[in-house]
PDB file of N, CA and C in Angstrom:
ATOM      1  N   UNK A   1     -33.915-150.733 -87.568  1.00  0.00           N
ATOM      2  CA  UNK A   1     -35.216-151.228 -87.161  1.00  0.00           C
ATOM      3  C   UNK A   1     -36.339-150.435 -87.853  1.00  0.00           C
ATOM      4  N   UNK A   2     -36.177-149.109 -87.919  1.00  0.00           N
ATOM      5  CA  UNK A   2     -37.192-148.270 -88.557  1.00  0.00           C
ATOM      6  C   UNK A   2     -37.347-148.630 -90.034  1.00  0.00           C
ATOM      7  N   UNK A   3     -36.249-148.892 -90.695  1.00  0.00           N
ATOM      8  CA  UNK A   3     -36.271-149.267 -92.110  1.00  0.00           C
ATOM      9  C   UNK A   3     -36.973-150.612 -92.295  1.00  0.00           C
ATOM     10  N   UNK A   4     -36.735-151.544 -91.371  1.00  0.00           N
ATOM     11  CA  UNK A   4     -37.363-152.859 -91.426  1.00  0.00           C
ATOM     12  C   UNK A   4     -38.883-152.740 -91.294  1.00  0.00           C
ATOM     13  N   UNK A   5     -39.344-151.925 -90.365  1.00  0.00           N
ATOM     14  CA  UNK A   5     -40.783-151.725 -90.164  1.00  0.00           C
ATOM     15  C   UNK A   5     -41.404-151.095 -91.412  1.00  0.00           C
ATOM     16  N   UNK A   6     -40.716-150.126 -91.998  1.00  0.00           N
ATOM     17  CA  UNK A   6     -41.210-149.483 -93.216  1.00  0.00           C
ATOM     18  C   UNK A   6     -41.300-150.506 -94.353  1.00  0.00           C
ATOM     19  N   UNK A   7     -40.321-151.369 -94.471  1.00  0.00           N
ATOM     20  CA  UNK A   7     -40.313-152.407 -95.495  1.00  0.00           C
ATOM     21  C   UNK A   7     -41.490-153.370 -95.318  1.00  0.00           C
ATOM     22  N   UNK A   8     -41.716-153.809 -94.085  1.00  0.00           N
ATOM     23  CA  UNK A   8     -42.836-154.715 -93.786  1.00  0.00           C
ATOM     24  C   UNK A   8     -44.164-154.028 -94.100  1.00  0.00           C
ATOM     25  N   UNK A   9     -44.305-152.761 -93.691  1.00  0.00           N
ATOM     26  CA  UNK A   9     -45.545-152.017 -93.946  1.00  0.00           C
ATOM     27  C   UNK A   9     -45.805-151.899 -95.445  1.00  0.00           C
ATOM     28  N   UNK A  10     -44.775-151.573 -96.216  1.00  0.00           N
ATOM     29  CA  UNK A  10     -44.931-151.441 -97.667  1.00  0.00           C
ATOM     30  C   UNK A  10     -45.244-152.782 -98.329  1.00  0.00           C
ATOM     31  N   UNK A  11     -44.621-153.848 -97.858  1.00  0.00           N
ATOM     32  CA  UNK A  11     -44.887-155.179 -98.394  1.00  0.00           C
ATOM     33  C   UNK A  11     -46.329-155.600 -98.130  1.00  0.00           C
ATOM     34  N   UNK A  12     -46.796-155.387 -96.907  1.00  0.00           N
ATOM     35  CA  UNK A  12     -48.184-155.709 -96.581  1.00  0.00           C
ATOM     36  C   UNK A  12     -49.147-154.854 -97.401  1.00  0.00           C
ATOM     37  N   UNK A  13     -48.828-153.575 -97.566  1.00  0.00           N
ATOM     38  CA  UNK A  13     -49.658-152.694 -98.376  1.00  0.00           C
ATOM     39  C   UNK A  13     -49.742-153.163 -99.814  1.00  0.00           C
ATOM     40  N   UNK A  14     -48.631-153.621-100.363  1.00  0.00           N
ATOM     41  CA  UNK A  14     -48.604-154.132-101.731  1.00  0.00           C
ATOM     42  C   UNK A  14     -49.471-155.380-101.859  1.00  0.00           C
ATOM     43  N   UNK A  15     -49.413-156.246-100.872  1.00  0.00           N
ATOM     44  CA  UNK A  15     -50.239-157.457-100.876  1.00  0.00           C
ATOM     45  C   UNK A  15     -51.719-157.082-100.820  1.00  0.00           C
ATOM     46  N   UNK A  16     -52.072-156.152 -99.930  1.00  0.00           N
ATOM     47  CA  UNK A  16     -53.466-155.709 -99.807  1.00  0.00           C
ATOM     48  C   UNK A  16     -53.938-155.057-101.097  1.00  0.00           C
ATOM     49  N   UNK A  17     -53.107-154.205-101.706  1.00  0.00           N
ATOM     50  CA  UNK A  17     -53.469-153.531-102.956  1.00  0.00           C
ATOM     51  C   UNK A  17     -53.675-154.547-104.081  1.00  0.00           C
ATOM     52  N   UNK A  18     -52.831-155.559-104.130  1.00  0.00           N
ATOM     53  CA  UNK A  18     -52.961-156.595-105.152  1.00  0.00           C
ATOM     54  C   UNK A  18     -54.261-157.379-104.961  1.00  0.00           C
ATOM     55  N   UNK A  19     -54.558-157.751-103.721  1.00  0.00           N
ATOM     56  CA  UNK A  19     -55.809-158.458-103.438  1.00  0.00           C
ATOM     57  C   UNK A  19     -57.019-157.594-103.793  1.00  0.00           C
ATOM     58  N   UNK A  20     -56.901-156.297-103.549  1.00  0.00           N
ATOM     59  CA  UNK A  20     -57.995-155.381-103.898  1.00  0.00           C
ATOM     60  C   UNK A  20     -58.262-155.411-105.395  1.00  0.00           C
ATOM     61  N   UNK A  21     -57.219-155.324-106.191  1.00  0.00           N
ATOM     62  CA  UNK A  21     -57.382-155.319-107.647  1.00  0.00           C
ATOM     63  C   UNK A  21     -58.001-156.637-108.131  1.00  0.00           C
ATOM     64  N   UNK A  22     -57.591-157.738-107.526  1.00  0.00           N
ATOM     65  CA  UNK A  22     -58.080-159.053-107.945  1.00  0.00           C
ATOM     66  C   UNK A  22     -59.521-159.331-107.526  1.00  0.00           C
ATOM     67  N   UNK A  23     -60.003-158.652-106.483  1.00  0.00           N
ATOM     68  CA  UNK A  23     -61.341-158.952-105.946  1.00  0.00           C
ATOM     69  C   UNK A  23     -62.293-157.766-106.015  1.00  0.00           C
ATOM     70  N   UNK A  24     -62.003-156.808-106.827  1.00  0.00           N
ATOM     71  CA  UNK A  24     -62.709-155.526-106.868  1.00  0.00           C
ATOM     72  C   UNK A  24     -64.195-155.601-107.225  1.00  0.00           C
ATOM     73  N   UNK A  25     -64.569-156.457-108.111  1.00  0.00           N
ATOM     74  CA  UNK A  25     -65.958-156.509-108.538  1.00  0.00           C
ATOM     75  C   UNK A  25     -66.193-155.607-109.748  1.00  0.00           C
ATOM     76  N   UNK A  26     -67.456-155.231-109.941  1.00  0.00           N
ATOM     77  CA  UNK A  26     -67.803-154.456-111.127  1.00  0.00           C
ATOM     78  C   UNK A  26     -68.129-153.011-110.764  1.00  0.00           C
ATOM     79  N   UNK A  27     -67.994-152.160-111.766  1.00  0.00           N
ATOM     80  CA  UNK A  27     -68.309-150.747-111.600  1.00  0.00           C
ATOM     81  C   UNK A  27     -69.804-150.512-111.758  1.00  0.00           C
ATOM     82  N   UNK A  28     -70.285-149.469-111.127  1.00  0.00           N
ATOM     83  CA  UNK A  28     -71.667-149.038-111.289  1.00  0.00           C
ATOM     84  C   UNK A  28     -71.886-148.606-112.734  1.00  0.00           C
ATOM     85  N   UNK A  29     -72.956-149.080-113.330  1.00  0.00           N
ATOM     86  CA  UNK A  29     -73.260-148.736-114.728  1.00  0.00           C
ATOM     87  C   UNK A  29     -74.293-147.614-114.751  1.00  0.00           C
ATOM     88  N   UNK A  30     -74.036-146.625-115.616  1.00  0.00           N
ATOM     89  CA  UNK A  30     -74.944-145.501-115.800  1.00  0.00           C
ATOM     90  C   UNK A  30     -75.140-145.278-117.290  1.00  0.00           C
ATOM     91  N   UNK A  31     -76.181-144.542-117.634  1.00  0.00           N
ATOM     92  CA  UNK A  31     -76.361-144.155-119.033  1.00  0.00           C
ATOM     93  C   UNK A  31     -75.195-143.232-119.406  1.00  0.00           C
ATOM     94  N   UNK A  32     -74.834-143.154-120.690  1.00  0.00           N
ATOM     95  CA  UNK A  32     -73.730-142.280-121.094  1.00  0.00           C
ATOM     96  C   UNK A  32     -73.929-140.823-120.653  1.00  0.00           C
ATOM     97  N   UNK A  33     -75.164-140.341-120.705  1.00  0.00           N
ATOM     98  CA  UNK A  33     -75.434-138.960-120.299  1.00  0.00           C
ATOM     99  C   UNK A  33     -75.210-138.779-118.801  1.00  0.00           C
ATOM    100  N   UNK A  34     -75.719-139.719-118.022  1.00  0.00           N
ATOM    101  CA  UNK A  34     -75.557-139.644-116.560  1.00  0.00           C
ATOM    102  C   UNK A  34     -74.093-139.792-116.174  1.00  0.00           C
ATOM    103  N   UNK A  35     -73.370-140.691-116.851  1.00  0.00           N
ATOM    104  CA  UNK A  35     -71.953-140.867-116.550  1.00  0.00           C
ATOM    105  C   UNK A  35     -71.174-139.594-116.871  1.00  0.00           C
ATOM    106  N   UNK A  36     -71.534-138.917-117.953  1.00  0.00           N
ATOM    107  CA  UNK A  36     -70.858-137.671-118.306  1.00  0.00           C
ATOM    108  C   UNK A  36     -71.109-136.602-117.242  1.00  0.00           C
ATOM    109  N   UNK A  37     -72.323-136.561-116.716  1.00  0.00           N
ATOM    110  CA  UNK A  37     -72.646-135.623-115.646  1.00  0.00           C
ATOM    111  C   UNK A  37     -71.809-135.931-114.395  1.00  0.00           C
ATOM    112  N   UNK A  38     -71.706-137.213-114.056  1.00  0.00           N
ATOM    113  CA  UNK A  38     -70.899-137.645-112.914  1.00  0.00           C
ATOM    114  C   UNK A  38     -69.430-137.282-113.149  1.00  0.00           C
ATOM    115  N   UNK A  39     -68.934-137.525-114.364  1.00  0.00           N
ATOM    116  CA  UNK A  39     -67.541-137.195-114.695  1.00  0.00           C
ATOM    117  C   UNK A  39     -67.279-135.704-114.505  1.00  0.00           C
ATOM    118  N   UNK A  40     -68.225-134.872-114.951  1.00  0.00           N
ATOM    119  CA  UNK A  40     -68.065-133.425-114.809  1.00  0.00           C
ATOM    120  C   UNK A  40     -68.012-133.010-113.339  1.00  0.00           C
ATOM    121  N   UNK A  41     -68.882-133.602-112.523  1.00  0.00           N
ATOM    122  CA  UNK A  41     -68.898-133.283-111.092  1.00  0.00           C
ATOM    123  C   UNK A  41     -67.641-133.806-110.383  1.00  0.00           C
ATOM    124  N   UNK A  42     -67.178-134.984-110.789  1.00  0.00           N
ATOM    125  CA  UNK A  42     -66.001-135.588-110.156  1.00  0.00           C
ATOM    126  C   UNK A  42     -64.718-134.844-110.504  1.00  0.00           C
ATOM    127  N   UNK A  43     -64.751-134.025-111.550  1.00  0.00           N
ATOM    128  CA  UNK A  43     -63.566-133.252-111.930  1.00  0.00           C
ATOM    129  C   UNK A  43     -63.179-132.256-110.837  1.00  0.00           C
ATOM    130  N   UNK A  44     -64.097-131.961-109.922  1.00  0.00           N
ATOM    131  CA  UNK A  44     -63.831-131.031-108.821  1.00  0.00           C
ATOM    132  C   UNK A  44     -63.387-131.738-107.542  1.00  0.00           C
ATOM    133  N   UNK A  45     -63.035-133.011-107.664  1.00  0.00           N
ATOM    134  CA  UNK A  45     -62.616-133.807-106.513  1.00  0.00           C
ATOM    135  C   UNK A  45     -61.206-134.340-106.730  1.00  0.00           C
ATOM    136  N   UNK A  46     -60.465-134.482-105.645  1.00  0.00           N
ATOM    137  CA  UNK A  46     -59.137-135.106-105.701  1.00  0.00           C
ATOM    138  C   UNK A  46     -58.921-135.879-104.396  1.00  0.00           C
ATOM    139  N   UNK A  47     -58.386-137.084-104.522  1.00  0.00           N
ATOM    140  CA  UNK A  47     -58.099-137.918-103.356  1.00  0.00           C
ATOM    141  C   UNK A  47     -56.606-137.889-103.075  1.00  0.00           C
ATOM    142  N   UNK A  48     -56.243-137.377-101.915  1.00  0.00           N
ATOM    143  CA  UNK A  48     -54.851-137.418-101.457  1.00  0.00           C
ATOM    144  C   UNK A  48     -54.684-138.736-100.724  1.00  0.00           C
ATOM    145  N   UNK A  49     -53.658-139.511-101.104  1.00  0.00           N
ATOM    146  CA  UNK A  49     -53.556-140.871-100.604  1.00  0.00           C
ATOM    147  C   UNK A  49     -52.134-141.384-100.662  1.00  0.00           C
ATOM    148  N   UNK A  50     -51.922-142.503 -99.968  1.00  0.00           N
ATOM    149  CA  UNK A  50     -50.696-143.296-100.065  1.00  0.00           C
ATOM    150  C   UNK A  50     -51.100-144.602-100.731  1.00  0.00           C
ATOM    151  N   UNK A  51     -50.284-145.116-101.616  1.00  0.00           N
ATOM    152  CA  UNK A  51     -50.609-146.331-102.350  1.00  0.00           C
ATOM    153  C   UNK A  51     -50.894-147.510-101.428  1.00  0.00           C
ATOM    154  N   UNK A  52     -50.056-147.720-100.414  1.00  0.00           N
ATOM    155  CA  UNK A  52     -50.138-148.932 -99.597  1.00  0.00           C
ATOM    156  C   UNK A  52     -50.969-148.770 -98.327  1.00  0.00           C
ATOM    157  N   UNK A  53     -51.593-147.642 -98.128  1.00  0.00           N
ATOM    158  CA  UNK A  53     -52.402-147.405 -96.922  1.00  0.00           C
ATOM    159  C   UNK A  53     -53.720-148.184 -97.015  1.00  0.00           C
ATOM    160  N   UNK A  54     -54.040-149.038 -96.029  1.00  0.00           N
ATOM    161  CA  UNK A  54     -55.274-149.822 -96.092  1.00  0.00           C
ATOM    162  C   UNK A  54     -56.545-148.966 -96.168  1.00  0.00           C
ATOM    163  N   UNK A  55     -56.561-147.823 -95.490  1.00  0.00           N
ATOM    164  CA  UNK A  55     -57.731-146.956 -95.525  1.00  0.00           C
ATOM    165  C   UNK A  55     -57.860-146.265 -96.880  1.00  0.00           C
ATOM    166  N   UNK A  56     -56.731-145.991 -97.510  1.00  0.00           N
ATOM    167  CA  UNK A  56     -56.751-145.428 -98.866  1.00  0.00           C
ATOM    168  C   UNK A  56     -57.231-146.474 -99.857  1.00  0.00           C
ATOM    169  N   UNK A  57     -56.806-147.700 -99.674  1.00  0.00           N
ATOM    170  CA  UNK A  57     -57.256-148.798-100.542  1.00  0.00           C
ATOM    171  C   UNK A  57     -58.765-148.970-100.405  1.00  0.00           C
ATOM    172  N   UNK A  58     -59.270-148.923 -99.193  1.00  0.00           N
ATOM    173  CA  UNK A  58     -60.714-149.021 -98.953  1.00  0.00           C
ATOM    174  C   UNK A  58     -61.454-147.908 -99.694  1.00  0.00           C
ATOM    175  N   UNK A  59     -60.920-146.694 -99.641  1.00  0.00           N
ATOM    176  CA  UNK A  59     -61.544-145.547-100.302  1.00  0.00           C
ATOM    177  C   UNK A  59     -61.459-145.679-101.817  1.00  0.00           C
ATOM    178  N   UNK A  60     -60.290-146.086-102.332  1.00  0.00           N
ATOM    179  CA  UNK A  60     -60.148-146.276-103.786  1.00  0.00           C
ATOM    180  C   UNK A  60     -61.086-147.367-104.294  1.00  0.00           C
ATOM    181  N   UNK A  61     -61.286-148.393-103.490  1.00  0.00           N
ATOM    182  CA  UNK A  61     -62.200-149.493-103.870  1.00  0.00           C
ATOM    183  C   UNK A  61     -63.628-148.951-104.033  1.00  0.00           C
ATOM    184  N   UNK A  62     -64.064-148.111-103.104  1.00  0.00           N
ATOM    185  CA  UNK A  62     -65.398-147.513-103.196  1.00  0.00           C
ATOM    186  C   UNK A  62     -65.488-146.595-104.417  1.00  0.00           C
ATOM    187  N   UNK A  63     -64.445-145.839-104.696  1.00  0.00           N
ATOM    188  CA  UNK A  63     -64.412-144.955-105.867  1.00  0.00           C
ATOM    189  C   UNK A  63     -64.537-145.783-107.143  1.00  0.00           C
ATOM    190  N   UNK A  64     -63.834-146.895-107.189  1.00  0.00           N
ATOM    191  CA  UNK A  64     -63.905-147.787-108.350  1.00  0.00           C
ATOM    192  C   UNK A  64     -65.332-148.310-108.531  1.00  0.00           C
ATOM    193  N   UNK A  65     -65.925-148.833-107.448  1.00  0.00           N
ATOM    194  CA  UNK A  65     -67.266-149.416-107.537  1.00  0.00           C
ATOM    195  C   UNK A  65     -68.315-148.380-107.933  1.00  0.00           C
ATOM    196  N   UNK A  66     -68.132-147.135-107.494  1.00  0.00           N
ATOM    197  CA  UNK A  66     -69.066-146.066-107.853  1.00  0.00           C
ATOM    198  C   UNK A  66     -68.779-145.498-109.246  1.00  0.00           C
ATOM    199  N   UNK A  67     -67.700-145.986-109.887  1.00  0.00           N
ATOM    200  CA  UNK A  67     -67.337-145.561-111.242  1.00  0.00           C
ATOM    201  C   UNK A  67     -67.108-144.053-111.306  1.00  0.00           C
ATOM    202  N   UNK A  68     -66.243-143.578-110.405  1.00  0.00           N
ATOM    203  CA  UNK A  68     -65.944-142.152-110.312  1.00  0.00           C
ATOM    204  C   UNK A  68     -64.519-141.871-110.787  1.00  0.00           C
ATOM    205  N   UNK A  69     -64.360-141.013-111.781  1.00  0.00           N
ATOM    206  CA  UNK A  69     -63.016-140.685-112.261  1.00  0.00           C
ATOM    207  C   UNK A  69     -62.381-139.578-111.411  1.00  0.00           C
ATOM    208  N   UNK A  70     -62.078-139.906-110.170  1.00  0.00           N
ATOM    209  CA  UNK A  70     -61.502-138.933-109.243  1.00  0.00           C
ATOM    210  C   UNK A  70     -59.982-138.993-109.347  1.00  0.00           C
ATOM    211  N   UNK A  71     -59.364-137.823-109.463  1.00  0.00           N
ATOM    212  CA  UNK A  71     -57.900-137.750-109.532  1.00  0.00           C
ATOM    213  C   UNK A  71     -57.318-138.211-108.201  1.00  0.00           C
ATOM    214  N   UNK A  72     -56.320-139.073-108.290  1.00  0.00           N
ATOM    215  CA  UNK A  72     -55.634-139.559-107.098  1.00  0.00           C
ATOM    216  C   UNK A  72     -54.272-138.876-107.026  1.00  0.00           C
ATOM    217  N   UNK A  73     -53.981-138.295-105.873  1.00  0.00           N
ATOM    218  CA  UNK A  73     -52.733-137.560-105.680  1.00  0.00           C
ATOM    219  C   UNK A  73     -51.915-138.222-104.583  1.00  0.00           C
ATOM    220  N   UNK A  74     -50.706-138.613-104.947  1.00  0.00           N
ATOM    221  CA  UNK A  74     -49.798-139.258-104.014  1.00  0.00           C
ATOM    222  C   UNK A  74     -49.280-138.225-103.018  1.00  0.00           C
ATOM    223  N   UNK A  75     -49.501-138.477-101.740  1.00  0.00           N
ATOM    224  CA  UNK A  75     -49.058-137.549-100.704  1.00  0.00           C
ATOM    225  C   UNK A  75     -47.846-138.079 -99.942  1.00  0.00           C
ATOM    226  N   UNK A  76     -47.108-139.013-100.563  1.00  0.00           N
ATOM    227  CA  UNK A  76     -45.912-139.554 -99.921  1.00  0.00           C
ATOM    228  C   UNK A  76     -44.876-138.452 -99.732  1.00  0.00           C
ATOM    229  N   UNK A  77     -43.945-138.690 -98.842  1.00  0.00           N
ATOM    230  CA  UNK A  77     -42.866-137.742 -98.594  1.00  0.00           C
ATOM    231  C   UNK A  77     -42.134-137.449 -99.900  1.00  0.00           C
ATOM    232  N   UNK A  78     -41.873-136.163-100.151  1.00  0.00           N
ATOM    233  CA  UNK A  78     -41.181-135.763-101.366  1.00  0.00           C
ATOM    234  C   UNK A  78     -42.118-135.378-102.500  1.00  0.00           C
ATOM    235  N   UNK A  79     -43.400-135.657-102.357  1.00  0.00           N
ATOM    236  CA  UNK A  79     -44.378-135.319-103.395  1.00  0.00           C
ATOM    237  C   UNK A  79     -44.856-133.875-103.205  1.00  0.00           C
ATOM    238  N   UNK A  80     -45.050-133.128-104.306  1.00  0.00           N
ATOM    239  CA  UNK A  80     -45.569-131.763-104.161  1.00  0.00           C
ATOM    240  C   UNK A  80     -46.998-131.750-103.598  1.00  0.00           C
ATOM    241  N   UNK A  81     -47.723-132.846-103.780  1.00  0.00           N
ATOM    242  CA  UNK A  81     -49.093-132.917-103.257  1.00  0.00           C
ATOM    243  C   UNK A  81     -49.112-132.968-101.731  1.00  0.00           C
ATOM    244  N   UNK A  82     -48.033-133.442-101.133  1.00  0.00           N
ATOM    245  CA  UNK A  82     -47.949-133.503 -99.668  1.00  0.00           C
ATOM    246  C   UNK A  82     -48.046-132.099 -99.078  1.00  0.00           C
ATOM    247  N   UNK A  83     -47.348-131.160 -99.687  1.00  0.00           N
ATOM    248  CA  UNK A  83     -47.376-129.773 -99.213  1.00  0.00           C
ATOM    249  C   UNK A  83     -48.759-129.154 -99.422  1.00  0.00           C
ATOM    250  N   UNK A  84     -49.408-129.470-100.555  1.00  0.00           N
ATOM    251  CA  UNK A  84     -50.773-128.988-100.811  1.00  0.00           C
ATOM    252  C   UNK A  84     -51.717-129.483 -99.716  1.00  0.00           C
ATOM    253  N   UNK A  85     -51.575-130.746 -99.356  1.00  0.00           N
ATOM    254  CA  UNK A  85     -52.420-131.350 -98.323  1.00  0.00           C
ATOM    255  C   UNK A  85     -52.197-130.645 -96.980  1.00  0.00           C
ATOM    256  N   UNK A  86     -50.949-130.396 -96.646  1.00  0.00           N
ATOM    257  CA  UNK A  86     -50.636-129.730 -95.379  1.00  0.00           C
ATOM    258  C   UNK A  86     -51.163-128.301 -95.366  1.00  0.00           C
ATOM    259  N   UNK A  87     -50.921-127.555 -96.439  1.00  0.00           N
ATOM    260  CA  UNK A  87     -51.353-126.158 -96.508  1.00  0.00           C
ATOM    261  C   UNK A  87     -52.878-126.036 -96.568  1.00  0.00           C
ATOM    262  N   UNK A  88     -53.517-126.863 -97.377  1.00  0.00           N
ATOM    263  CA  UNK A  88     -54.966-126.757 -97.556  1.00  0.00           C
ATOM    264  C   UNK A  88     -55.765-127.418 -96.457  1.00  0.00           C
ATOM    265  N   UNK A  89     -55.412-128.657 -96.156  1.00  0.00           N
ATOM    266  CA  UNK A  89     -56.166-129.431 -95.172  1.00  0.00           C
ATOM    267  C   UNK A  89     -55.721-129.200 -93.744  1.00  0.00           C
ATOM    268  N   UNK A  90     -54.482-128.750 -93.598  1.00  0.00           N
ATOM    269  CA  UNK A  90     -53.976-128.452 -92.259  1.00  0.00           C
ATOM    270  C   UNK A  90     -53.212-129.583 -91.599  1.00  0.00           C
ATOM    271  N   UNK A  91     -53.205-130.755 -92.216  1.00  0.00           N
ATOM    272  CA  UNK A  91     -52.457-131.876 -91.636  1.00  0.00           C
ATOM    273  C   UNK A  91     -52.154-132.903 -92.717  1.00  0.00           C
ATOM    274  N   UNK A  92     -51.104-133.680 -92.473  1.00  0.00           N
ATOM    275  CA  UNK A  92     -50.745-134.778 -93.367  1.00  0.00           C
ATOM    276  C   UNK A  92     -51.448-136.016 -92.828  1.00  0.00           C
ATOM    277  N   UNK A  93     -52.619-136.279 -93.368  1.00  0.00           N
ATOM    278  CA  UNK A  93     -53.394-137.443 -92.966  1.00  0.00           C
ATOM    279  C   UNK A  93     -54.137-137.917 -94.202  1.00  0.00           C
ATOM    280  N   UNK A  94     -54.044-139.206 -94.488  1.00  0.00           N
ATOM    281  CA  UNK A  94     -54.717-139.758 -95.657  1.00  0.00           C
ATOM    282  C   UNK A  94     -55.604-140.915 -95.229  1.00  0.00           C
ATOM    283  N   UNK A  95     -56.630-141.216 -96.001  1.00  0.00           N
ATOM    284  CA  UNK A  95     -57.052-140.514 -97.207  1.00  0.00           C
ATOM    285  C   UNK A  95     -57.710-139.180 -96.870  1.00  0.00           C
ATOM    286  N   UNK A  96     -57.648-138.273 -97.834  1.00  0.00           N
ATOM    287  CA  UNK A  96     -58.283-136.975 -97.704  1.00  0.00           C
ATOM    288  C   UNK A  96     -58.878-136.610 -99.066  1.00  0.00           C
ATOM    289  N   UNK A  97     -60.146-136.271 -99.063  1.00  0.00           N
ATOM    290  CA  UNK A  97     -60.816-135.874-100.295  1.00  0.00           C
ATOM    291  C   UNK A  97     -60.914-134.354-100.342  1.00  0.00           C
ATOM    292  N   UNK A  98     -60.336-133.780-101.395  1.00  0.00           N
ATOM    293  CA  UNK A  98     -60.449-132.339-101.613  1.00  0.00           C
ATOM    294  C   UNK A  98     -61.686-132.109-102.482  1.00  0.00           C
ATOM    295  N   UNK A  99     -62.587-131.276-101.991  1.00  0.00           N
ATOM    296  CA  UNK A  99     -63.843-130.990-102.682  1.00  0.00           C
ATOM    297  C   UNK A  99     -63.861-129.507-103.025  1.00  0.00           C
ATOM    298  N   UNK A 100     -63.776-129.194-104.305  1.00  0.00           N
ATOM    299  CA  UNK A 100     -63.876-127.812-104.775  1.00  0.00           C
ATOM    300  C   UNK A 100     -65.288-127.614-105.302  1.00  0.00           C
ATOM    301  N   UNK A 101     -66.041-126.725-104.640  1.00  0.00           N
ATOM    302  CA  UNK A 101     -67.442-126.537-105.022  1.00  0.00           C
ATOM    303  C   UNK A 101     -67.881-125.116-104.657  1.00  0.00           C
ATOM    304  N   UNK A 102     -68.524-124.469-105.593  1.00  0.00           N
ATOM    305  CA  UNK A 102     -69.060-123.122-105.382  1.00  0.00           C
ATOM    306  C   UNK A 102     -67.994-122.137-104.893  1.00  0.00           C
ATOM    307  N   UNK A 103     -66.794-122.244-105.446  1.00  0.00           N
ATOM    308  CA  UNK A 103     -65.715-121.332-105.091  1.00  0.00           C
ATOM    309  C   UNK A 103     -65.065-121.596-103.736  1.00  0.00           C
ATOM    310  N   UNK A 104     -65.464-122.680-103.076  1.00  0.00           N
ATOM    311  CA  UNK A 104     -64.896-123.030-101.772  1.00  0.00           C
ATOM    312  C   UNK A 104     -64.221-124.392-101.862  1.00  0.00           C
ATOM    313  N   UNK A 105     -63.244-124.595-100.995  1.00  0.00           N
ATOM    314  CA  UNK A 105     -62.560-125.885-100.919  1.00  0.00           C
ATOM    315  C   UNK A 105     -62.786-126.488 -99.540  1.00  0.00           C
ATOM    316  N   UNK A 106     -63.219-127.744 -99.532  1.00  0.00           N
ATOM    317  CA  UNK A 106     -63.426-128.487 -98.293  1.00  0.00           C
ATOM    318  C   UNK A 106     -62.473-129.678 -98.310  1.00  0.00           C
ATOM    319  N   UNK A 107     -61.920-130.011 -97.169  1.00  0.00           N
ATOM    320  CA  UNK A 107     -61.012-131.147 -97.029  1.00  0.00           C
ATOM    321  C   UNK A 107     -61.688-132.163 -96.120  1.00  0.00           C
ATOM    322  N   UNK A 108     -62.008-133.331 -96.666  1.00  0.00           N
ATOM    323  CA  UNK A 108     -62.728-134.360 -95.922  1.00  0.00           C
ATOM    324  C   UNK A 108     -61.782-135.523 -95.617  1.00  0.00           C
ATOM    325  N   UNK A 109     -61.576-135.773 -94.328  1.00  0.00           N
ATOM    326  CA  UNK A 109     -60.709-136.859 -93.871  1.00  0.00           C
ATOM    327  C   UNK A 109     -61.566-138.055 -93.441  1.00  0.00           C
ATOM    328  N   UNK A 110     -60.912-139.169 -93.187  1.00  0.00           N
ATOM    329  CA  UNK A 110     -61.518-140.423 -92.715  1.00  0.00           C
ATOM    330  C   UNK A 110     -62.186-141.179 -93.864  1.00  0.00           C
ATOM    331  N   UNK A 111     -61.710-142.376 -94.111  1.00  0.00           N
ATOM    332  CA  UNK A 111     -62.205-143.188 -95.226  1.00  0.00           C
ATOM    333  C   UNK A 111     -63.710-143.399 -95.163  1.00  0.00           C
ATOM    334  N   UNK A 112     -64.243-143.697 -94.001  1.00  0.00           N
ATOM    335  CA  UNK A 112     -65.687-143.955 -93.879  1.00  0.00           C
ATOM    336  C   UNK A 112     -66.503-142.709 -94.211  1.00  0.00           C
ATOM    337  N   UNK A 113     -66.033-141.550 -93.783  1.00  0.00           N
ATOM    338  CA  UNK A 113     -66.733-140.291 -94.077  1.00  0.00           C
ATOM    339  C   UNK A 113     -66.662-139.963 -95.570  1.00  0.00           C
ATOM    340  N   UNK A 114     -65.511-140.205 -96.166  1.00  0.00           N
ATOM    341  CA  UNK A 114     -65.345-139.967 -97.606  1.00  0.00           C
ATOM    342  C   UNK A 114     -66.292-140.868 -98.392  1.00  0.00           C
ATOM    343  N   UNK A 115     -66.335-142.146 -98.028  1.00  0.00           N
ATOM    344  CA  UNK A 115     -67.188-143.103 -98.738  1.00  0.00           C
ATOM    345  C   UNK A 115     -68.663-142.727 -98.570  1.00  0.00           C
ATOM    346  N   UNK A 116     -69.080-142.346 -97.357  1.00  0.00           N
ATOM    347  CA  UNK A 116     -70.466-141.917 -97.142  1.00  0.00           C
ATOM    348  C   UNK A 116     -70.807-140.718 -98.030  1.00  0.00           C
ATOM    349  N   UNK A 117     -69.896-139.761 -98.084  1.00  0.00           N
ATOM    350  CA  UNK A 117     -70.111-138.565 -98.901  1.00  0.00           C
ATOM    351  C   UNK A 117     -70.270-138.945-100.382  1.00  0.00           C
ATOM    352  N   UNK A 118     -69.380-139.790-100.883  1.00  0.00           N
ATOM    353  CA  UNK A 118     -69.428-140.181-102.297  1.00  0.00           C
ATOM    354  C   UNK A 118     -70.681-140.982-102.606  1.00  0.00           C
ATOM    355  N   UNK A 119     -71.065-141.896-101.716  1.00  0.00           N
ATOM    356  CA  UNK A 119     -72.272-142.695-101.942  1.00  0.00           C
ATOM    357  C   UNK A 119     -73.516-141.810-101.937  1.00  0.00           C
ATOM    358  N   UNK A 120     -73.573-140.861-101.024  1.00  0.00           N
ATOM    359  CA  UNK A 120     -74.719-139.965-100.955  1.00  0.00           C
ATOM    360  C   UNK A 120     -74.807-139.097-102.222  1.00  0.00           C
ATOM    361  N   UNK A 121     -73.673-138.638-102.687  1.00  0.00           N
ATOM    362  CA  UNK A 121     -73.653-137.723-103.829  1.00  0.00           C
ATOM    363  C   UNK A 121     -73.780-138.438-105.182  1.00  0.00           C
ATOM    364  N   UNK A 122     -73.222-139.647-105.317  1.00  0.00           N
ATOM    365  CA  UNK A 122     -73.123-140.271-106.630  1.00  0.00           C
ATOM    366  C   UNK A 122     -73.815-141.622-106.816  1.00  0.00           C
ATOM    367  N   UNK A 123     -74.241-142.271-105.734  1.00  0.00           N
ATOM    368  CA  UNK A 123     -74.804-143.627-105.890  1.00  0.00           C
ATOM    369  C   UNK A 123     -76.207-143.619-106.464  1.00  0.00           C
TER     370      UNK A 123
END
């Protein structure tokens, strides 16, 4: 039964991810200089996520629309990033945005909070 539920969850996640790619829209356009500045700032960010998680898809969609080259790290079971998330953030919960800034690391959970942070900083 547990395997069946996991299969259904992954299938639904794949369908949602596919629909996301097909209906994504366009990226935010910036001047080359401004985009380079954004790219440099985004290099200090990483999104810990699961591919089929609806909240992760929502967050990735916002990242795409804001045209942010944020590294995405798979936190599925067996991934080395899962342990990083647990050790750094204190819990296995996705999506989680790792923010390295001024020598400090902050772990931001909740898709809506992550999106608000990115929109405030980069929109």
